[in-house]
Amino acid sequence: MRDPSGNWLLVALLVLPVLAAVLFGRLGKRPRSVLLASLAGRWSGRVVKGRFLGADRLEIRIAGVAGEVTFTEQWTRLHFNRPSDRRLRVVPEGLASHLRRLFGGVDIRLDNPLFDDRFWIESSHPTWARELLDPRLRRALIGLVDPTLDIGPEGIVLRVTRLLVGDAADLGSFVEAGILILQKAEGLLDAAGVALDPVRSRSGSACPVCGHPVADAALPCPSCRTPHHRECWKYFGGCAIFGCRTKFRA
């Protein structure tokens, strides 16, 4: 009669390495969880624990827009749930961009050799794309590792080919770049076709948030110069004038 203990030993030899790999894999993710938790508070966020072998993710909210940071060993991705009828794609120059040119693709140029030589840009609205990719945003993208930016019906997606959860500074810079993109897209998308004349503050000017008069020491919008109460500016999250590009800046 066959000894059943041999079967149990064989099963143990097969299962134990798997359990050990899972255990060490989960232990290896603990520092990442601690890092994500430490960063969550910066953007009204929270860490969502991954199930079993799944990775943790960071959920944030900026000016009422939900965002999510996910990652693998090869990339880090930030997605804002802000769909757009307009499309923009910014990718590093490479074989794919050369193929696009061969098949008639059009690369939008920004008259900035440093940026134009590094990235392929295509958009359904070139003028809007050029306004969106202002010098500050270009610097933010140049500072990332092989970034890819997509804006369209699926929302705003920023992705880099690097795992960033092991470095608080790099992950913070990545998320801040994504927030800058969101702020720019929000202001420009909502202000399409709207031209604002500078606003002059006069005695008795009313705050556009609460409608009450503001004093000389009120906070003027840096773009349109509309005066706000400081408390109203903070409460509203920026300028309350429709079409102003600082509308969603705190």
C-alpha atoms as a PDB file:
ATOM      1  CA  MET A   1       0.000   0.000   0.000  1.00  0.00           C
ATOM      2  CA  ARG A   2       1.337   3.436  -0.946  1.00  0.00           C
ATOM      3  CA  ASP A   3       2.351   5.762   1.917  1.00  0.00           C
ATOM      4  CA  PRO A   4       0.120   8.923   1.716  1.00  0.00           C
ATOM      5  CA  SER A   5       2.749  10.956   3.560  1.00  0.00           C
ATOM      6  CA  GLY A   6       4.780  11.024   0.367  1.00  0.00           C
ATOM      7  CA  ASN A   7       1.971  12.814  -1.440  1.00  0.00           C
ATOM      8  CA  TRP A   8       1.715  15.426   1.296  1.00  0.00           C
ATOM      9  CA  LEU A   9       5.457  15.990   1.130  1.00  0.00           C
ATOM     10  CA  LEU A  10       5.291  16.494  -2.626  1.00  0.00           C
ATOM     11  CA  VAL A  11       2.413  18.946  -2.254  1.00  0.00           C
ATOM     12  CA  ALA A  12       4.319  20.850   0.442  1.00  0.00           C
ATOM     13  CA  LEU A  13       7.412  21.094  -1.772  1.00  0.00           C
ATOM     14  CA  LEU A  14       5.293  22.556  -4.570  1.00  0.00           C
ATOM     15  CA  VAL A  15       3.173  24.933  -2.492  1.00  0.00           C
ATOM     16  CA  LEU A  16       5.725  26.354  -0.060  1.00  0.00           C
ATOM     17  CA  PRO A  17       7.843  28.138  -2.706  1.00  0.00           C
ATOM     18  CA  VAL A  18       4.696  29.763  -4.098  1.00  0.00           C
ATOM     19  CA  LEU A  19       3.567  30.911  -0.662  1.00  0.00           C
ATOM     20  CA  ALA A  20       7.057  32.228   0.083  1.00  0.00           C
ATOM     21  CA  ALA A  21       7.107  34.198  -3.174  1.00  0.00           C
ATOM     22  CA  VAL A  22       3.699  35.703  -2.406  1.00  0.00           C
ATOM     23  CA  LEU A  23       4.743  36.584   1.151  1.00  0.00           C
ATOM     24  CA  PHE A  24       7.978  38.257   0.125  1.00  0.00           C
ATOM     25  CA  GLY A  25       6.175  40.002  -2.706  1.00  0.00           C
ATOM     26  CA  ARG A  26       3.671  41.487  -0.279  1.00  0.00           C
ATOM     27  CA  LEU A  27       6.407  42.419   2.173  1.00  0.00           C
ATOM     28  CA  GLY A  28       8.257  44.148  -0.638  1.00  0.00           C
ATOM     29  CA  LYS A  29       5.230  46.320  -1.300  1.00  0.00           C
ATOM     30  CA  ARG A  30       4.989  47.612   2.253  1.00  0.00           C
ATOM     31  CA  PRO A  31       7.440  50.493   1.710  1.00  0.00           C
ATOM     32  CA  ARG A  32       5.415  51.483  -1.349  1.00  0.00           C
ATOM     33  CA  SER A  33       2.229  51.506   0.692  1.00  0.00           C
ATOM     34  CA  VAL A  34       3.880  53.696   3.310  1.00  0.00           C
ATOM     35  CA  LEU A  35       5.068  56.094   0.608  1.00  0.00           C
ATOM     36  CA  LEU A  36       1.665  56.271  -1.052  1.00  0.00           C
ATOM     37  CA  ALA A  37       0.004  56.850   2.307  1.00  0.00           C
ATOM     38  CA  SER A  38       2.404  59.696   3.094  1.00  0.00           C
ATOM     39  CA  LEU A  39       1.603  61.379  -0.238  1.00  0.00           C
ATOM     40  CA  ALA A  40      -2.158  60.833  -0.137  1.00  0.00           C
ATOM     41  CA  GLY A  41      -2.824  63.775   2.159  1.00  0.00           C
ATOM     42  CA  ARG A  42      -1.216  66.234  -0.250  1.00  0.00           C
ATOM     43  CA  TRP A  43      -4.040  66.024  -2.751  1.00  0.00           C
ATOM     44  CA  SER A  44      -7.047  65.088  -0.592  1.00  0.00           C
ATOM     45  CA  GLY A  45      -6.272  61.516  -1.501  1.00  0.00           C
ATOM     46  CA  ARG A  46      -6.355  58.037  -0.090  1.00  0.00           C
ATOM     47  CA  VAL A  47      -4.535  54.766  -0.638  1.00  0.00           C
ATOM     48  CA  VAL A  48      -6.599  51.839  -1.918  1.00  0.00           C
ATOM     49  CA  LYS A  49      -5.044  48.517  -0.979  1.00  0.00           C
ATOM     50  CA  GLY A  50      -4.526  45.987  -3.752  1.00  0.00           C
ATOM     51  CA  ARG A  51      -6.152  42.595  -3.425  1.00  0.00           C
ATOM     52  CA  PHE A  52      -3.766  39.701  -2.742  1.00  0.00           C
ATOM     53  CA  LEU A  53      -1.219  40.078  -5.567  1.00  0.00           C
ATOM     54  CA  GLY A  54      -2.659  43.363  -6.831  1.00  0.00           C
ATOM     55  CA  ALA A  55      -0.738  46.609  -6.357  1.00  0.00           C
ATOM     56  CA  ASP A  56      -1.947  49.473  -4.188  1.00  0.00           C
ATOM     57  CA  ARG A  57      -3.150  52.628  -5.919  1.00  0.00           C
ATOM     58  CA  LEU A  58      -3.476  56.267  -4.958  1.00  0.00           C
ATOM     59  CA  GLU A  59      -6.806  58.051  -5.431  1.00  0.00           C
ATOM     60  CA  ILE A  60      -6.809  61.860  -5.415  1.00  0.00           C
ATOM     61  CA  ARG A  61      -9.305  64.642  -6.112  1.00  0.00           C
ATOM     62  CA  ILE A  62      -8.394  68.011  -7.620  1.00  0.00           C
ATOM     63  CA  ALA A  63     -11.038  70.752  -7.974  1.00  0.00           C
ATOM     64  CA  GLY A  64     -13.741  68.077  -7.847  1.00  0.00           C
ATOM     65  CA  VAL A  65     -12.096  65.894 -10.529  1.00  0.00           C
ATOM     66  CA  ALA A  66     -11.251  62.327  -9.513  1.00  0.00           C
ATOM     67  CA  GLY A  67      -7.766  61.049 -10.269  1.00  0.00           C
ATOM     68  CA  GLU A  68      -5.996  57.737  -9.832  1.00  0.00           C
ATOM     69  CA  VAL A  69      -2.295  56.828  -9.750  1.00  0.00           C
ATOM     70  CA  THR A  70      -1.505  53.227 -10.689  1.00  0.00           C
ATOM     71  CA  PHE A  71       1.760  51.484 -11.428  1.00  0.00           C
ATOM     72  CA  THR A  72       3.590  48.343 -12.470  1.00  0.00           C
ATOM     73  CA  GLU A  73       7.293  47.533 -12.390  1.00  0.00           C
ATOM     74  CA  GLN A  74       7.633  49.217 -15.801  1.00  0.00           C
ATOM     75  CA  TRP A  75       5.462  52.334 -15.624  1.00  0.00           C
ATOM     76  CA  THR A  76       3.511  54.820 -13.504  1.00  0.00           C
ATOM     77  CA  ARG A  77       0.172  56.196 -14.734  1.00  0.00           C
ATOM     78  CA  LEU A  78      -2.055  59.087 -13.624  1.00  0.00           C
ATOM     79  CA  HIS A  79      -5.620  59.250 -14.912  1.00  0.00           C
ATOM     80  CA  PHE A  80      -8.041  62.130 -14.347  1.00  0.00           C
ATOM     81  CA  ASN A  81     -11.698  61.418 -15.079  1.00  0.00           C
ATOM     82  CA  ARG A  82     -12.160  64.561 -17.142  1.00  0.00           C
ATOM     83  CA  PRO A  83     -13.452  63.563 -20.632  1.00  0.00           C
ATOM     84  CA  SER A  84     -12.837  65.966 -23.497  1.00  0.00           C
ATOM     85  CA  ASP A  85     -14.280  66.255 -26.989  1.00  0.00           C
ATOM     86  CA  ARG A  86     -10.903  67.583 -28.043  1.00  0.00           C
ATOM     87  CA  ARG A  87      -7.960  65.275 -28.465  1.00  0.00           C
ATOM     88  CA  LEU A  88      -4.282  65.747 -27.740  1.00  0.00           C
ATOM     89  CA  ARG A  89      -1.480  63.213 -27.817  1.00  0.00           C
ATOM     90  CA  VAL A  90       2.117  63.950 -26.847  1.00  0.00           C
ATOM     91  CA  VAL A  91       4.607  61.091 -27.137  1.00  0.00           C
ATOM     92  CA  PRO A  92       8.423  60.873 -27.221  1.00  0.00           C
ATOM     93  CA  GLU A  93       9.948  60.971 -30.687  1.00  0.00           C
ATOM     94  CA  GLY A  94      10.852  57.495 -31.929  1.00  0.00           C
ATOM     95  CA  LEU A  95      10.088  54.823 -34.497  1.00  0.00           C
ATOM     96  CA  ALA A  96       6.338  55.280 -34.110  1.00  0.00           C
ATOM     97  CA  SER A  97       6.533  58.997 -34.917  1.00  0.00           C
ATOM     98  CA  HIS A  98       8.689  58.315 -37.984  1.00  0.00           C
ATOM     99  CA  LEU A  99       6.058  55.856 -39.212  1.00  0.00           C
ATOM    100  CA  ARG A 100       3.355  58.459 -38.634  1.00  0.00           C
ATOM    101  CA  ARG A 101       5.232  60.893 -40.877  1.00  0.00           C
ATOM    102  CA  LEU A 102       5.599  58.260 -43.598  1.00  0.00           C
ATOM    103  CA  PHE A 103       1.840  57.713 -43.573  1.00  0.00           C
ATOM    104  CA  GLY A 104       0.975  61.410 -43.677  1.00  0.00           C
ATOM    105  CA  GLY A 105       0.779  62.213 -39.970  1.00  0.00           C
ATOM    106  CA  VAL A 106       1.194  65.864 -39.013  1.00  0.00           C
ATOM    107  CA  ASP A 107       3.439  66.826 -36.100  1.00  0.00           C
ATOM    108  CA  ILE A 108       2.391  70.096 -34.451  1.00  0.00           C
ATOM    109  CA  ARG A 109       5.408  72.361 -33.947  1.00  0.00           C
ATOM    110  CA  LEU A 110       5.673  74.814 -31.051  1.00  0.00           C
ATOM    111  CA  ASP A 111       8.711  76.771 -32.268  1.00  0.00           C
ATOM    112  CA  ASN A 112      10.616  75.362 -29.308  1.00  0.00           C
ATOM    113  CA  PRO A 113      13.469  73.178 -30.642  1.00  0.00           C
ATOM    114  CA  LEU A 114      14.159  71.517 -27.290  1.00  0.00           C
ATOM    115  CA  PHE A 115      10.552  70.344 -26.982  1.00  0.00           C
ATOM    116  CA  ASP A 116       9.822  69.821 -30.690  1.00  0.00           C
ATOM    117  CA  ASP A 117      12.866  67.562 -31.117  1.00  0.00           C
ATOM    118  CA  ARG A 118      11.842  65.381 -28.172  1.00  0.00           C
ATOM    119  CA  PHE A 119       8.103  64.984 -28.715  1.00  0.00           C
ATOM    120  CA  TRP A 120       5.542  64.186 -31.380  1.00  0.00           C
ATOM    121  CA  ILE A 121       2.374  66.263 -30.918  1.00  0.00           C
ATOM    122  CA  GLU A 122      -0.957  65.677 -32.611  1.00  0.00           C
ATOM    123  CA  SER A 123      -4.335  67.201 -31.819  1.00  0.00           C
ATOM    124  CA  SER A 124      -7.830  67.666 -33.194  1.00  0.00           C
ATOM    125  CA  HIS A 125      -7.471  71.370 -32.300  1.00  0.00           C
ATOM    126  CA  PRO A 126      -3.888  72.566 -32.978  1.00  0.00           C
ATOM    127  CA  THR A 127      -4.443  76.123 -31.741  1.00  0.00           C
ATOM    128  CA  TRP A 128      -5.843  74.844 -28.449  1.00  0.00           C
ATOM    129  CA  ALA A 129      -2.954  72.386 -28.158  1.00  0.00           C
ATOM    130  CA  ARG A 130      -0.380  75.155 -28.578  1.00  0.00           C
ATOM    131  CA  GLU A 131      -2.076  77.240 -25.874  1.00  0.00           C
ATOM    132  CA  LEU A 132      -2.267  74.252 -23.552  1.00  0.00           C
ATOM    133  CA  LEU A 133       1.410  73.355 -23.983  1.00  0.00           C
ATOM    134  CA  ASP A 134       2.718  76.633 -22.630  1.00  0.00           C
ATOM    135  CA  PRO A 135       6.346  77.005 -21.417  1.00  0.00           C
ATOM    136  CA  ARG A 136       5.542  75.914 -17.863  1.00  0.00           C
ATOM    137  CA  LEU A 137       3.819  72.733 -18.996  1.00  0.00           C
ATOM    138  CA  ARG A 138       6.575  71.975 -21.493  1.00  0.00           C
ATOM    139  CA  ARG A 139       9.167  72.236 -18.737  1.00  0.00           C
ATOM    140  CA  ALA A 140       7.139  69.871 -16.573  1.00  0.00           C
ATOM    141  CA  LEU A 141       6.968  67.258 -19.356  1.00  0.00           C
ATOM    142  CA  ILE A 142      10.660  67.581 -20.200  1.00  0.00           C
ATOM    143  CA  GLY A 143      11.455  66.866 -16.537  1.00  0.00           C
ATOM    144  CA  LEU A 144       9.732  63.450 -16.707  1.00  0.00           C
ATOM    145  CA  VAL A 145      11.104  60.145 -18.039  1.00  0.00           C
ATOM    146  CA  ASP A 146       9.645  59.392 -21.485  1.00  0.00           C
ATOM    147  CA  PRO A 147       6.221  60.862 -20.701  1.00  0.00           C
ATOM    148  CA  THR A 148       3.125  60.155 -22.768  1.00  0.00           C
ATOM    149  CA  LEU A 149       0.143  62.508 -22.493  1.00  0.00           C
ATOM    150  CA  ASP A 150      -3.331  61.745 -23.844  1.00  0.00           C
ATOM    151  CA  ILE A 151      -6.399  63.974 -23.553  1.00  0.00           C
ATOM    152  CA  GLY A 152      -9.700  62.806 -25.025  1.00  0.00           C
ATOM    153  CA  PRO A 153     -13.002  61.064 -24.293  1.00  0.00           C
ATOM    154  CA  GLU A 154     -11.292  58.760 -21.791  1.00  0.00           C
ATOM    155  CA  GLY A 155     -10.043  61.732 -19.766  1.00  0.00           C
ATOM    156  CA  ILE A 156      -6.512  62.934 -19.099  1.00  0.00           C
ATOM    157  CA  VAL A 157      -3.813  60.267 -18.930  1.00  0.00           C
ATOM    158  CA  LEU A 158      -0.174  60.966 -18.085  1.00  0.00           C
ATOM    159  CA  ARG A 159       2.230  58.012 -18.144  1.00  0.00           C
ATOM    160  CA  VAL A 160       5.983  57.545 -17.674  1.00  0.00           C
ATOM    161  CA  THR A 161       8.095  54.459 -18.325  1.00  0.00           C
ATOM    162  CA  ARG A 162       9.395  54.235 -14.800  1.00  0.00           C
ATOM    163  CA  LEU A 163       8.208  52.937 -11.430  1.00  0.00           C
ATOM    164  CA  LEU A 164       8.004  56.053  -9.240  1.00  0.00           C
ATOM    165  CA  VAL A 165       6.538  54.769  -5.986  1.00  0.00           C
ATOM    166  CA  GLY A 166       9.992  54.233  -4.528  1.00  0.00           C
ATOM    167  CA  ASP A 167      10.819  57.955  -4.577  1.00  0.00           C
ATOM    168  CA  ALA A 168       8.568  60.525  -2.917  1.00  0.00           C
ATOM    169  CA  ALA A 169      10.133  63.479  -4.755  1.00  0.00           C
ATOM    170  CA  ASP A 170       9.811  61.925  -8.222  1.00  0.00           C
ATOM    171  CA  LEU A 171       6.275  60.702  -7.585  1.00  0.00           C
ATOM    172  CA  GLY A 172       5.306  64.108  -6.235  1.00  0.00           C
ATOM    173  CA  SER A 173       6.729  65.868  -9.308  1.00  0.00           C
ATOM    174  CA  PHE A 174       4.864  63.447 -11.565  1.00  0.00           C
ATOM    175  CA  VAL A 175       1.521  64.061  -9.841  1.00  0.00           C
ATOM    176  CA  GLU A 176       2.090  67.824  -9.782  1.00  0.00           C
ATOM    177  CA  ALA A 177       2.748  67.732 -13.547  1.00  0.00           C
ATOM    178  CA  GLY A 178      -0.551  65.905 -14.005  1.00  0.00           C
ATOM    179  CA  ILE A 179      -2.368  68.462 -11.860  1.00  0.00           C
ATOM    180  CA  LEU A 180      -0.877  71.277 -13.949  1.00  0.00           C
ATOM    181  CA  ILE A 181      -2.157  69.568 -17.105  1.00  0.00           C
ATOM    182  CA  LEU A 182      -5.622  69.242 -15.557  1.00  0.00           C
ATOM    183  CA  GLN A 183      -5.690  72.889 -14.525  1.00  0.00           C
ATOM    184  CA  LYS A 184      -4.603  74.039 -17.968  1.00  0.00           C
ATOM    185  CA  ALA A 185      -7.077  71.758 -19.742  1.00  0.00           C
ATOM    186  CA  GLU A 186      -9.955  72.818 -17.473  1.00  0.00           C
ATOM    187  CA  GLY A 187      -9.355  76.506 -18.051  1.00  0.00           C
ATOM    188  CA  LEU A 188      -8.786  76.256 -21.771  1.00  0.00           C
ATOM    189  CA  LEU A 189     -11.584  73.778 -22.459  1.00  0.00           C
ATOM    190  CA  ASP A 190     -14.171  75.818 -20.585  1.00  0.00           C
ATOM    191  CA  ALA A 191     -12.931  79.064 -22.128  1.00  0.00           C
ATOM    192  CA  ALA A 192     -12.932  77.949 -25.781  1.00  0.00           C
ATOM    193  CA  GLY A 193     -13.631  80.948 -27.961  1.00  0.00           C
ATOM    194  CA  VAL A 194     -13.925  83.310 -25.007  1.00  0.00           C
ATOM    195  CA  ALA A 195     -11.681  86.386 -24.996  1.00  0.00           C
ATOM    196  CA  LEU A 196     -11.398  88.258 -21.711  1.00  0.00           C
ATOM    197  CA  ASP A 197     -10.538  91.919 -21.389  1.00  0.00           C
ATOM    198  CA  PRO A 198      -8.576  92.925 -18.292  1.00  0.00           C
ATOM    199  CA  VAL A 199     -10.844  93.908 -15.407  1.00  0.00           C
ATOM    200  CA  ARG A 200     -10.142  97.127 -13.557  1.00  0.00           C
ATOM    201  CA  SER A 201     -10.862  97.171  -9.845  1.00  0.00           C
ATOM    202  CA  ARG A 202     -12.936 100.158  -8.800  1.00  0.00           C
ATOM    203  CA  SER A 203     -14.212 101.356  -5.470  1.00  0.00           C
ATOM    204  CA  GLY A 204     -17.240  99.299  -4.498  1.00  0.00           C
ATOM    205  CA  SER A 205     -16.467  96.423  -6.884  1.00  0.00           C
ATOM    206  CA  ALA A 206     -18.400  93.275  -5.994  1.00  0.00           C
ATOM    207  CA  CYS A 207     -16.837  89.906  -5.333  1.00  0.00           C
ATOM    208  CA  PRO A 208     -18.043  87.501  -8.080  1.00  0.00           C
ATOM    209  CA  VAL A 209     -18.436  84.687  -5.536  1.00  0.00           C
ATOM    210  CA  CYS A 210     -20.584  86.266  -2.816  1.00  0.00           C
ATOM    211  CA  GLY A 211     -21.717  89.464  -4.572  1.00  0.00           C
ATOM    212  CA  HIS A 212     -20.679  91.735  -1.686  1.00  0.00           C
ATOM    213  CA  PRO A 213     -18.350  94.735  -2.091  1.00  0.00           C
ATOM    214  CA  VAL A 214     -14.636  94.137  -1.709  1.00  0.00           C
ATOM    215  CA  ALA A 215     -12.115  96.415  -0.080  1.00  0.00           C
ATOM    216  CA  ASP A 216      -8.925  97.797  -1.610  1.00  0.00           C
ATOM    217  CA  ALA A 217      -6.979  94.953   0.039  1.00  0.00           C
ATOM    218  CA  ALA A 218      -8.962  92.284  -1.822  1.00  0.00           C
ATOM    219  CA  LEU A 219      -7.246  89.511  -3.757  1.00  0.00           C
ATOM    220  CA  PRO A 220      -7.210  90.270  -7.530  1.00  0.00           C
ATOM    221  CA  CYS A 221      -7.071  87.416 -10.032  1.00  0.00           C
ATOM    222  CA  PRO A 222      -3.542  87.311 -11.534  1.00  0.00           C
ATOM    223  CA  SER A 223      -4.990  86.869 -15.048  1.00  0.00           C
ATOM    224  CA  CYS A 224      -8.158  88.984 -15.374  1.00  0.00           C
ATOM    225  CA  ARG A 225      -7.580  91.182 -12.272  1.00  0.00           C
ATOM    226  CA  THR A 226     -11.133  90.648 -10.964  1.00  0.00           C
ATOM    227  CA  PRO A 227     -11.131  91.360  -7.194  1.00  0.00           C
ATOM    228  CA  HIS A 228     -12.219  88.589  -4.811  1.00  0.00           C
ATOM    229  CA  HIS A 229     -12.472  88.268  -1.062  1.00  0.00           C
ATOM    230  CA  ARG A 230      -9.564  86.054   0.007  1.00  0.00           C
ATOM    231  CA  GLU A 231     -11.962  83.696   1.777  1.00  0.00           C
ATOM    232  CA  CYS A 232     -14.157  83.493  -1.351  1.00  0.00           C
ATOM    233  CA  TRP A 233     -11.130  82.818  -3.562  1.00  0.00           C
ATOM    234  CA  LYS A 234     -10.094  79.960  -1.297  1.00  0.00           C
ATOM    235  CA  TYR A 235     -13.636  78.603  -1.048  1.00  0.00           C
ATOM    236  CA  PHE A 236     -14.232  78.671  -4.807  1.00  0.00           C
ATOM    237  CA  GLY A 237     -10.791  77.289  -5.639  1.00  0.00           C
ATOM    238  CA  GLY A 238      -9.641  80.234  -7.754  1.00  0.00           C
ATOM    239  CA  CYS A 239     -11.130  82.867 -10.020  1.00  0.00           C
ATOM    240  CA  ALA A 240     -14.930  82.811 -10.330  1.00  0.00           C
ATOM    241  CA  ILE A 241     -15.041  84.490 -13.747  1.00  0.00           C
ATOM    242  CA  PHE A 242     -16.185  82.163 -16.532  1.00  0.00           C
ATOM    243  CA  GLY A 243     -13.463  81.652 -19.105  1.00  0.00           C
ATOM    244  CA  CYS A 244     -10.598  82.812 -16.906  1.00  0.00           C
ATOM    245  CA  ARG A 245      -7.610  80.476 -17.078  1.00  0.00           C
ATOM    246  CA  THR A 246      -6.978  80.668 -13.356  1.00  0.00           C
ATOM    247  CA  LYS A 247     -10.510  79.508 -12.609  1.00  0.00           C
ATOM    248  CA  PHE A 248      -9.390  76.245 -11.011  1.00  0.00           C
ATOM    249  CA  ARG A 249      -6.207  77.390  -9.331  1.00  0.00           C
ATOM    250  CA  ALA A 250      -6.232  77.541  -5.556  1.00  0.00           C
END
